[in-house]
Amino acid sequence: MYAKLFAQGDDPLDRMFVGTVASLKQLAEKKDGSGNYLYPDLRLSLWTQGHLELTAEEREELIKADKERRKKKKKKKRSREEEEEE
């Protein structure tokens, strides 16, 4: 509920992860069929909190992946809104 509320105000937060550090680290390791991390934002968050070590290169790749995820999400949202208007 809060993530949706923040997202409406253009807050960069668009989803939240809840769990123990161990369970979040396990979730952060999951990859899709192409070998990309499913939750780049979670990995970055764990790094900022000191729970995950990342190189500068890894951080840049995660930032790029999260930007792509957000673009896809916005595109999907616009598409749904256009369908509702029709």
PDB file of N, CA and C in Angstrom:
ATOM      1  N   MET A   1       0.821  -1.189   0.000  1.00  0.00           N
ATOM      2  CA  MET A   1       0.000   0.000   0.000  1.00  0.00           C
ATOM      3  C   MET A   1       0.872   1.263   0.000  1.00  0.00           C
ATOM      4  N   TYR A   2       1.896   1.295   0.860  1.00  0.00           N
ATOM      5  CA  TYR A   2       2.728   2.492   0.943  1.00  0.00           C
ATOM      6  C   TYR A   2       3.535   2.715  -0.333  1.00  0.00           C
ATOM      7  N   ALA A   3       4.039   1.625  -0.921  1.00  0.00           N
ATOM      8  CA  ALA A   3       4.820   1.773  -2.151  1.00  0.00           C
ATOM      9  C   ALA A   3       3.960   2.397  -3.241  1.00  0.00           C
ATOM     10  N   LYS A   4       2.702   1.986  -3.349  1.00  0.00           N
ATOM     11  CA  LYS A   4       1.809   2.562  -4.357  1.00  0.00           C
ATOM     12  C   LYS A   4       1.549   4.037  -4.072  1.00  0.00           C
ATOM     13  N   LEU A   5       1.376   4.371  -2.811  1.00  0.00           N
ATOM     14  CA  LEU A   5       1.141   5.756  -2.417  1.00  0.00           C
ATOM     15  C   LEU A   5       2.348   6.627  -2.765  1.00  0.00           C
ATOM     16  N   PHE A   6       3.545   6.157  -2.439  1.00  0.00           N
ATOM     17  CA  PHE A   6       4.758   6.915  -2.746  1.00  0.00           C
ATOM     18  C   PHE A   6       4.940   7.046  -4.256  1.00  0.00           C
ATOM     19  N   ALA A   7       4.679   5.969  -4.992  1.00  0.00           N
ATOM     20  CA  ALA A   7       4.865   5.982  -6.438  1.00  0.00           C
ATOM     21  C   ALA A   7       3.953   7.013  -7.101  1.00  0.00           C
ATOM     22  N   GLN A   8       2.766   7.222  -6.556  1.00  0.00           N
ATOM     23  CA  GLN A   8       1.841   8.210  -7.117  1.00  0.00           C
ATOM     24  C   GLN A   8       2.419   9.616  -7.014  1.00  0.00           C
ATOM     25  N   GLY A   9       3.237   9.860  -6.018  1.00  0.00           N
ATOM     26  CA  GLY A   9       3.849  11.172  -5.829  1.00  0.00           C
ATOM     27  C   GLY A   9       5.220  11.261  -6.473  1.00  0.00           C
ATOM     28  N   ASP A  10       5.510  10.374  -7.413  1.00  0.00           N
ATOM     29  CA  ASP A  10       6.795  10.310  -8.105  1.00  0.00           C
ATOM     30  C   ASP A  10       7.972  10.043  -7.171  1.00  0.00           C
ATOM     31  N   ASP A  11       7.710   9.422  -6.042  1.00  0.00           N
ATOM     32  CA  ASP A  11       8.778   9.011  -5.147  1.00  0.00           C
ATOM     33  C   ASP A  11       9.511   7.850  -5.818  1.00  0.00           C
ATOM     34  N   PRO A  12      10.832   7.779  -5.712  1.00  0.00           N
ATOM     35  CA  PRO A  12      11.554   6.694  -6.373  1.00  0.00           C
ATOM     36  C   PRO A  12      11.234   5.308  -5.800  1.00  0.00           C
ATOM     37  N   LEU A  13      10.653   5.252  -4.616  1.00  0.00           N
ATOM     38  CA  LEU A  13      10.296   3.976  -4.019  1.00  0.00           C
ATOM     39  C   LEU A  13       9.092   3.408  -4.762  1.00  0.00           C
ATOM     40  N   ASP A  14       9.244   2.217  -5.326  1.00  0.00           N
ATOM     41  CA  ASP A  14       8.107   1.629  -6.019  1.00  0.00           C
ATOM     42  C   ASP A  14       7.804   0.213  -5.546  1.00  0.00           C
ATOM     43  N   ARG A  15       8.635  -0.308  -4.664  1.00  0.00           N
ATOM     44  CA  ARG A  15       8.324  -1.591  -4.032  1.00  0.00           C
ATOM     45  C   ARG A  15       9.172  -1.740  -2.783  1.00  0.00           C
ATOM     46  N   MET A  16       8.691  -2.590  -1.862  1.00  0.00           N
ATOM     47  CA  MET A  16       9.399  -2.814  -0.607  1.00  0.00           C
ATOM     48  C   MET A  16       9.577  -4.305  -0.400  1.00  0.00           C
ATOM     49  N   PHE A  17      10.643  -4.650   0.271  1.00  0.00           N
ATOM     50  CA  PHE A  17      10.938  -6.036   0.591  1.00  0.00           C
ATOM     51  C   PHE A  17      10.956  -6.163   2.105  1.00  0.00           C
ATOM     52  N   VAL A  18      10.307  -7.183   2.614  1.00  0.00           N
ATOM     53  CA  VAL A  18      10.219  -7.380   4.061  1.00  0.00           C
ATOM     54  C   VAL A  18      10.731  -8.773   4.393  1.00  0.00           C
ATOM     55  N   GLY A  19      11.578  -8.848   5.390  1.00  0.00           N
ATOM     56  CA  GLY A  19      12.094 -10.143   5.827  1.00  0.00           C
ATOM     57  C   GLY A  19      13.362  -9.954   6.629  1.00  0.00           C
ATOM     58  N   THR A  20      13.930 -11.066   7.023  1.00  0.00           N
ATOM     59  CA  THR A  20      15.210 -11.017   7.737  1.00  0.00           C
ATOM     60  C   THR A  20      16.309 -10.715   6.722  1.00  0.00           C
ATOM     61  N   VAL A  21      17.454 -10.293   7.221  1.00  0.00           N
ATOM     62  CA  VAL A  21      18.577 -10.019   6.323  1.00  0.00           C
ATOM     63  C   VAL A  21      18.912 -11.283   5.528  1.00  0.00           C
ATOM     64  N   ALA A  22      18.914 -12.416   6.194  1.00  0.00           N
ATOM     65  CA  ALA A  22      19.251 -13.677   5.516  1.00  0.00           C
ATOM     66  C   ALA A  22      18.252 -13.987   4.397  1.00  0.00           C
ATOM     67  N   SER A  23      16.957 -13.825   4.677  1.00  0.00           N
ATOM     68  CA  SER A  23      15.957 -14.134   3.638  1.00  0.00           C
ATOM     69  C   SER A  23      16.015 -13.124   2.499  1.00  0.00           C
ATOM     70  N   LEU A  24      16.308 -11.864   2.814  1.00  0.00           N
ATOM     71  CA  LEU A  24      16.421 -10.845   1.764  1.00  0.00           C
ATOM     72  C   LEU A  24      17.660 -11.086   0.899  1.00  0.00           C
ATOM     73  N   LYS A  25      18.748 -11.509   1.528  1.00  0.00           N
ATOM     74  CA  LYS A  25      19.949 -11.820   0.758  1.00  0.00           C
ATOM     75  C   LYS A  25      19.689 -13.003  -0.171  1.00  0.00           C
ATOM     76  N   GLN A  26      18.950 -13.972   0.313  1.00  0.00           N
ATOM     77  CA  GLN A  26      18.606 -15.134  -0.511  1.00  0.00           C
ATOM     78  C   GLN A  26      17.733 -14.696  -1.691  1.00  0.00           C
ATOM     79  N   LEU A  27      16.769 -13.841  -1.440  1.00  0.00           N
ATOM     80  CA  LEU A  27      15.896 -13.318  -2.492  1.00  0.00           C
ATOM     81  C   LEU A  27      16.702 -12.502  -3.502  1.00  0.00           C
ATOM     82  N   ALA A  28      17.663 -11.736  -3.013  1.00  0.00           N
ATOM     83  CA  ALA A  28      18.479 -10.880  -3.876  1.00  0.00           C
ATOM     84  C   ALA A  28      19.361 -11.677  -4.829  1.00  0.00           C
ATOM     85  N   GLU A  29      19.587 -12.942  -4.548  1.00  0.00           N
ATOM     86  CA  GLU A  29      20.414 -13.795  -5.412  1.00  0.00           C
ATOM     87  C   GLU A  29      19.638 -14.387  -6.588  1.00  0.00           C
ATOM     88  N   LYS A  30      18.324 -14.287  -6.579  1.00  0.00           N
ATOM     89  CA  LYS A  30      17.510 -14.900  -7.645  1.00  0.00           C
ATOM     90  C   LYS A  30      17.737 -14.201  -8.978  1.00  0.00           C
ATOM     91  N   LYS A  31      17.813 -15.018 -10.048  1.00  0.00           N
ATOM     92  CA  LYS A  31      18.041 -14.506 -11.397  1.00  0.00           C
ATOM     93  C   LYS A  31      16.952 -15.009 -12.342  1.00  0.00           C
ATOM     94  N   ASP A  32      16.775 -14.281 -13.438  1.00  0.00           N
ATOM     95  CA  ASP A  32      15.816 -14.715 -14.454  1.00  0.00           C
ATOM     96  C   ASP A  32      16.502 -15.698 -15.401  1.00  0.00           C
ATOM     97  N   GLY A  33      15.794 -16.125 -16.424  1.00  0.00           N
ATOM     98  CA  GLY A  33      16.330 -17.092 -17.377  1.00  0.00           C
ATOM     99  C   GLY A  33      17.538 -16.597 -18.148  1.00  0.00           C
ATOM    100  N   SER A  34      17.706 -15.281 -18.209  1.00  0.00           N
ATOM    101  CA  SER A  34      18.847 -14.693 -18.924  1.00  0.00           C
ATOM    102  C   SER A  34      20.064 -14.494 -18.023  1.00  0.00           C
ATOM    103  N   GLY A  35      19.902 -14.812 -16.747  1.00  0.00           N
ATOM    104  CA  GLY A  35      21.014 -14.643 -15.813  1.00  0.00           C
ATOM    105  C   GLY A  35      21.074 -13.273 -15.150  1.00  0.00           C
ATOM    106  N   ASN A  36      20.037 -12.475 -15.354  1.00  0.00           N
ATOM    107  CA  ASN A  36      19.982 -11.147 -14.731  1.00  0.00           C
ATOM    108  C   ASN A  36      19.302 -11.243 -13.370  1.00  0.00           C
ATOM    109  N   TYR A  37      19.744 -10.415 -12.443  1.00  0.00           N
ATOM    110  CA  TYR A  37      19.114 -10.411 -11.119  1.00  0.00           C
ATOM    111  C   TYR A  37      17.685  -9.906 -11.223  1.00  0.00           C
ATOM    112  N   LEU A  38      16.775 -10.605 -10.548  1.00  0.00           N
ATOM    113  CA  LEU A  38      15.368 -10.209 -10.563  1.00  0.00           C
ATOM    114  C   LEU A  38      15.119  -8.943  -9.753  1.00  0.00           C
ATOM    115  N   TYR A  39      15.926  -8.711  -8.725  1.00  0.00           N
ATOM    116  CA  TYR A  39      15.694  -7.599  -7.806  1.00  0.00           C
ATOM    117  C   TYR A  39      16.946  -6.738  -7.662  1.00  0.00           C
ATOM    118  N   PRO A  40      17.313  -6.006  -8.712  1.00  0.00           N
ATOM    119  CA  PRO A  40      18.524  -5.180  -8.616  1.00  0.00           C
ATOM    120  C   PRO A  40      18.418  -4.120  -7.532  1.00  0.00           C
ATOM    121  N   ASP A  41      17.213  -3.597  -7.322  1.00  0.00           N
ATOM    122  CA  ASP A  41      17.013  -2.585  -6.280  1.00  0.00           C
ATOM    123  C   ASP A  41      17.237  -3.161  -4.890  1.00  0.00           C
ATOM    124  N   LEU A  42      16.854  -4.401  -4.686  1.00  0.00           N
ATOM    125  CA  LEU A  42      17.082  -5.060  -3.397  1.00  0.00           C
ATOM    126  C   LEU A  42      18.583  -5.255  -3.170  1.00  0.00           C
ATOM    127  N   ARG A  43      19.296  -5.670  -4.200  1.00  0.00           N
ATOM    128  CA  ARG A  43      20.745  -5.852  -4.073  1.00  0.00           C
ATOM    129  C   ARG A  43      21.414  -4.524  -3.709  1.00  0.00           C
ATOM    130  N   LEU A  44      21.007  -3.455  -4.372  1.00  0.00           N
ATOM    131  CA  LEU A  44      21.576  -2.136  -4.063  1.00  0.00           C
ATOM    132  C   LEU A  44      21.254  -1.711  -2.634  1.00  0.00           C
ATOM    133  N   SER A  45      20.044  -1.983  -2.210  1.00  0.00           N
ATOM    134  CA  SER A  45      19.638  -1.632  -0.851  1.00  0.00           C
ATOM    135  C   SER A  45      20.457  -2.402   0.186  1.00  0.00           C
ATOM    136  N   LEU A  46      20.651  -3.688  -0.058  1.00  0.00           N
ATOM    137  CA  LEU A  46      21.460  -4.481   0.865  1.00  0.00           C
ATOM    138  C   LEU A  46      22.899  -3.966   0.901  1.00  0.00           C
ATOM    139  N   TRP A  47      23.406  -3.522  -0.236  1.00  0.00           N
ATOM    140  CA  TRP A  47      24.759  -2.956  -0.276  1.00  0.00           C
ATOM    141  C   TRP A  47      24.823  -1.667   0.551  1.00  0.00           C
ATOM    142  N   THR A  48      23.831  -0.777   0.375  1.00  0.00           N
ATOM    143  CA  THR A  48      23.862   0.494   1.108  1.00  0.00           C
ATOM    144  C   THR A  48      23.781   0.277   2.616  1.00  0.00           C
ATOM    145  N   GLN A  49      23.179  -0.834   3.027  1.00  0.00           N
ATOM    146  CA  GLN A  49      23.060  -1.122   4.455  1.00  0.00           C
ATOM    147  C   GLN A  49      24.241  -1.936   4.992  1.00  0.00           C
ATOM    148  N   GLY A  50      25.200  -2.243   4.098  1.00  0.00           N
ATOM    149  CA  GLY A  50      26.386  -2.975   4.527  1.00  0.00           C
ATOM    150  C   GLY A  50      26.209  -4.478   4.616  1.00  0.00           C
ATOM    151  N   HIS A  51      25.154  -5.011   3.999  1.00  0.00           N
ATOM    152  CA  HIS A  51      24.894  -6.452   4.070  1.00  0.00           C
ATOM    153  C   HIS A  51      25.349  -7.212   2.834  1.00  0.00           C
ATOM    154  N   LEU A  52      25.851  -6.489   1.836  1.00  0.00           N
ATOM    155  CA  LEU A  52      26.273  -7.123   0.591  1.00  0.00           C
ATOM    156  C   LEU A  52      27.444  -6.323   0.027  1.00  0.00           C
ATOM    157  N   GLU A  53      28.459  -7.025  -0.420  1.00  0.00           N
ATOM    158  CA  GLU A  53      29.606  -6.336  -1.016  1.00  0.00           C
ATOM    159  C   GLU A  53      29.454  -6.336  -2.527  1.00  0.00           C
ATOM    160  N   LEU A  54      29.638  -5.168  -3.125  1.00  0.00           N
ATOM    161  CA  LEU A  54      29.541  -5.021  -4.578  1.00  0.00           C
ATOM    162  C   LEU A  54      30.704  -4.166  -5.064  1.00  0.00           C
ATOM    163  N   THR A  55      31.208  -4.503  -6.237  1.00  0.00           N
ATOM    164  CA  THR A  55      32.226  -3.650  -6.848  1.00  0.00           C
ATOM    165  C   THR A  55      31.518  -2.463  -7.490  1.00  0.00           C
ATOM    166  N   ALA A  56      32.281  -1.451  -7.835  1.00  0.00           N
ATOM    167  CA  ALA A  56      31.708  -0.281  -8.506  1.00  0.00           C
ATOM    168  C   ALA A  56      31.048  -0.700  -9.815  1.00  0.00           C
ATOM    169  N   GLU A  57      31.657  -1.630 -10.519  1.00  0.00           N
ATOM    170  CA  GLU A  57      31.091  -2.125 -11.786  1.00  0.00           C
ATOM    171  C   GLU A  57      29.757  -2.834 -11.549  1.00  0.00           C
ATOM    172  N   GLU A  58      29.695  -3.668 -10.514  1.00  0.00           N
ATOM    173  CA  GLU A  58      28.446  -4.360 -10.183  1.00  0.00           C
ATOM    174  C   GLU A  58      27.345  -3.354  -9.833  1.00  0.00           C
ATOM    175  N   ARG A  59      27.698  -2.333  -9.073  1.00  0.00           N
ATOM    176  CA  ARG A  59      26.712  -1.322  -8.692  1.00  0.00           C
ATOM    177  C   ARG A  59      26.160  -0.617  -9.933  1.00  0.00           C
ATOM    178  N   GLU A  60      27.036  -0.254 -10.853  1.00  0.00           N
ATOM    179  CA  GLU A  60      26.597   0.421 -12.080  1.00  0.00           C
ATOM    180  C   GLU A  60      25.661  -0.461 -12.891  1.00  0.00           C
ATOM    181  N   GLU A  61      25.977  -1.743 -12.976  1.00  0.00           N
ATOM    182  CA  GLU A  61      25.121  -2.679 -13.712  1.00  0.00           C
ATOM    183  C   GLU A  61      23.752  -2.811 -13.041  1.00  0.00           C
ATOM    184  N   LEU A  62      23.739  -2.844 -11.712  1.00  0.00           N
ATOM    185  CA  LEU A  62      22.474  -2.948 -10.988  1.00  0.00           C
ATOM    186  C   LEU A  62      21.636  -1.682 -11.147  1.00  0.00           C
ATOM    187  N   ILE A  63      22.278  -0.540 -11.117  1.00  0.00           N
ATOM    188  CA  ILE A  63      21.571   0.726 -11.305  1.00  0.00           C
ATOM    189  C   ILE A  63      20.944   0.756 -12.693  1.00  0.00           C
ATOM    190  N   LYS A  64      21.710   0.334 -13.687  1.00  0.00           N
ATOM    191  CA  LYS A  64      21.216   0.284 -15.065  1.00  0.00           C
ATOM    192  C   LYS A  64      20.032  -0.691 -15.179  1.00  0.00           C
ATOM    193  N   ALA A  65      20.161  -1.865 -14.573  1.00  0.00           N
ATOM    194  CA  ALA A  65      19.094  -2.866 -14.615  1.00  0.00           C
ATOM    195  C   ALA A  65      17.836  -2.357 -13.925  1.00  0.00           C
ATOM    196  N   ASP A  66      17.995  -1.646 -12.810  1.00  0.00           N
ATOM    197  CA  ASP A  66      16.824  -1.136 -12.108  1.00  0.00           C
ATOM    198  C   ASP A  66      16.135  -0.042 -12.919  1.00  0.00           C
ATOM    199  N   LYS A  67      16.904   0.785 -13.609  1.00  0.00           N
ATOM    200  CA  LYS A  67      16.304   1.814 -14.468  1.00  0.00           C
ATOM    201  C   LYS A  67      15.484   1.162 -15.581  1.00  0.00           C
ATOM    202  N   GLU A  68      15.999   0.094 -16.146  1.00  0.00           N
ATOM    203  CA  GLU A  68      15.271  -0.630 -17.197  1.00  0.00           C
ATOM    204  C   GLU A  68      13.980  -1.222 -16.640  1.00  0.00           C
ATOM    205  N   ARG A  69      14.072  -1.791 -15.443  1.00  0.00           N
ATOM    206  CA  ARG A  69      12.878  -2.377 -14.801  1.00  0.00           C
ATOM    207  C   ARG A  69      11.813  -1.308 -14.606  1.00  0.00           C
ATOM    208  N   ARG A  70      12.222  -0.129 -14.161  1.00  0.00           N
ATOM    209  CA  ARG A  70      11.281   0.965 -13.930  1.00  0.00           C
ATOM    210  C   ARG A  70      10.657   1.451 -15.239  1.00  0.00           C
ATOM    211  N   LYS A  71      11.461   1.506 -16.310  1.00  0.00           N
ATOM    212  CA  LYS A  71      10.933   1.911 -17.620  1.00  0.00           C
ATOM    213  C   LYS A  71       9.860   0.938 -18.084  1.00  0.00           C
ATOM    214  N   LYS A  72      10.147  -0.357 -17.953  1.00  0.00           N
ATOM    215  CA  LYS A  72       9.185  -1.382 -18.359  1.00  0.00           C
ATOM    216  C   LYS A  72       7.903  -1.265 -17.551  1.00  0.00           C
ATOM    217  N   LYS A  73       8.052  -0.999 -16.256  1.00  0.00           N
ATOM    218  CA  LYS A  73       6.888  -0.874 -15.385  1.00  0.00           C
ATOM    219  C   LYS A  73       6.033   0.324 -15.803  1.00  0.00           C
ATOM    220  N   LYS A  74       6.671   1.468 -16.109  1.00  0.00           N
ATOM    221  CA  LYS A  74       5.931   2.656 -16.538  1.00  0.00           C
ATOM    222  C   LYS A  74       5.231   2.413 -17.863  1.00  0.00           C
ATOM    223  N   LYS A  75       5.920   1.734 -18.779  1.00  0.00           N
ATOM    224  CA  LYS A  75       5.354   1.430 -20.088  1.00  0.00           C
ATOM    225  C   LYS A  75       4.117   0.545 -19.932  1.00  0.00           C
ATOM    226  N   LYS A  76       4.216  -0.457 -19.067  1.00  0.00           N
ATOM    227  CA  LYS A  76       3.107  -1.361 -18.817  1.00  0.00           C
ATOM    228  C   LYS A  76       1.925  -0.602 -18.203  1.00  0.00           C
ATOM    229  N   LYS A  77       2.221   0.314 -17.282  1.00  0.00           N
ATOM    230  CA  LYS A  77       1.174   1.108 -16.635  1.00  0.00           C
ATOM    231  C   LYS A  77       0.467   1.993 -17.650  1.00  0.00           C
ATOM    232  N   ARG A  78       1.244   2.655 -18.529  1.00  0.00           N
ATOM    233  CA  ARG A  78       0.640   3.509 -19.564  1.00  0.00           C
ATOM    234  C   ARG A  78      -0.247   2.696 -20.490  1.00  0.00           C
ATOM    235  N   SER A  79       0.208   1.509 -20.843  1.00  0.00           N
ATOM    236  CA  SER A  79      -0.559   0.643 -21.718  1.00  0.00           C
ATOM    237  C   SER A  79      -1.897   0.264 -21.075  1.00  0.00           C
ATOM    238  N   ARG A  80      -1.869  -0.051 -19.789  1.00  0.00           N
ATOM    239  CA  ARG A  80      -3.116  -0.381 -19.073  1.00  0.00           C
ATOM    240  C   ARG A  80      -4.060   0.803 -19.009  1.00  0.00           C
ATOM    241  N   GLU A  81      -3.491   1.990 -18.774  1.00  0.00           N
ATOM    242  CA  GLU A  81      -4.321   3.197 -18.709  1.00  0.00           C
ATOM    243  C   GLU A  81      -4.958   3.494 -20.057  1.00  0.00           C
ATOM    244  N   GLU A  82      -4.208   3.291 -21.134  1.00  0.00           N
ATOM    245  CA  GLU A  82      -4.759   3.510 -22.474  1.00  0.00           C
ATOM    246  C   GLU A  82      -5.882   2.525 -22.780  1.00  0.00           C
ATOM    247  N   GLU A  83      -5.725   1.281 -22.342  1.00  0.00           N
ATOM    248  CA  GLU A  83      -6.773   0.280 -22.547  1.00  0.00           C
ATOM    249  C   GLU A  83      -8.041   0.653 -21.782  1.00  0.00           C
ATOM    250  N   GLU A  84      -7.878   1.185 -20.580  1.00  0.00           N
ATOM    251  CA  GLU A  84      -9.025   1.575 -19.766  1.00  0.00           C
ATOM    252  C   GLU A  84      -9.777   2.739 -20.382  1.00  0.00           C
ATOM    253  N   GLU A  85      -9.043   3.623 -21.059  1.00  0.00           N
ATOM    254  CA  GLU A  85      -9.677   4.775 -21.696  1.00  0.00           C
ATOM    255  C   GLU A  85     -10.536   4.384 -22.894  1.00  0.00           C
ATOM    256  N   GLU A  86     -10.171   3.280 -23.552  1.00  0.00           N
ATOM    257  CA  GLU A  86     -10.890   2.841 -24.743  1.00  0.00           C
ATOM    258  C   GLU A  86     -12.182   2.228 -24.398  1.00  0.00           C
TER     259      GLU A  86
END
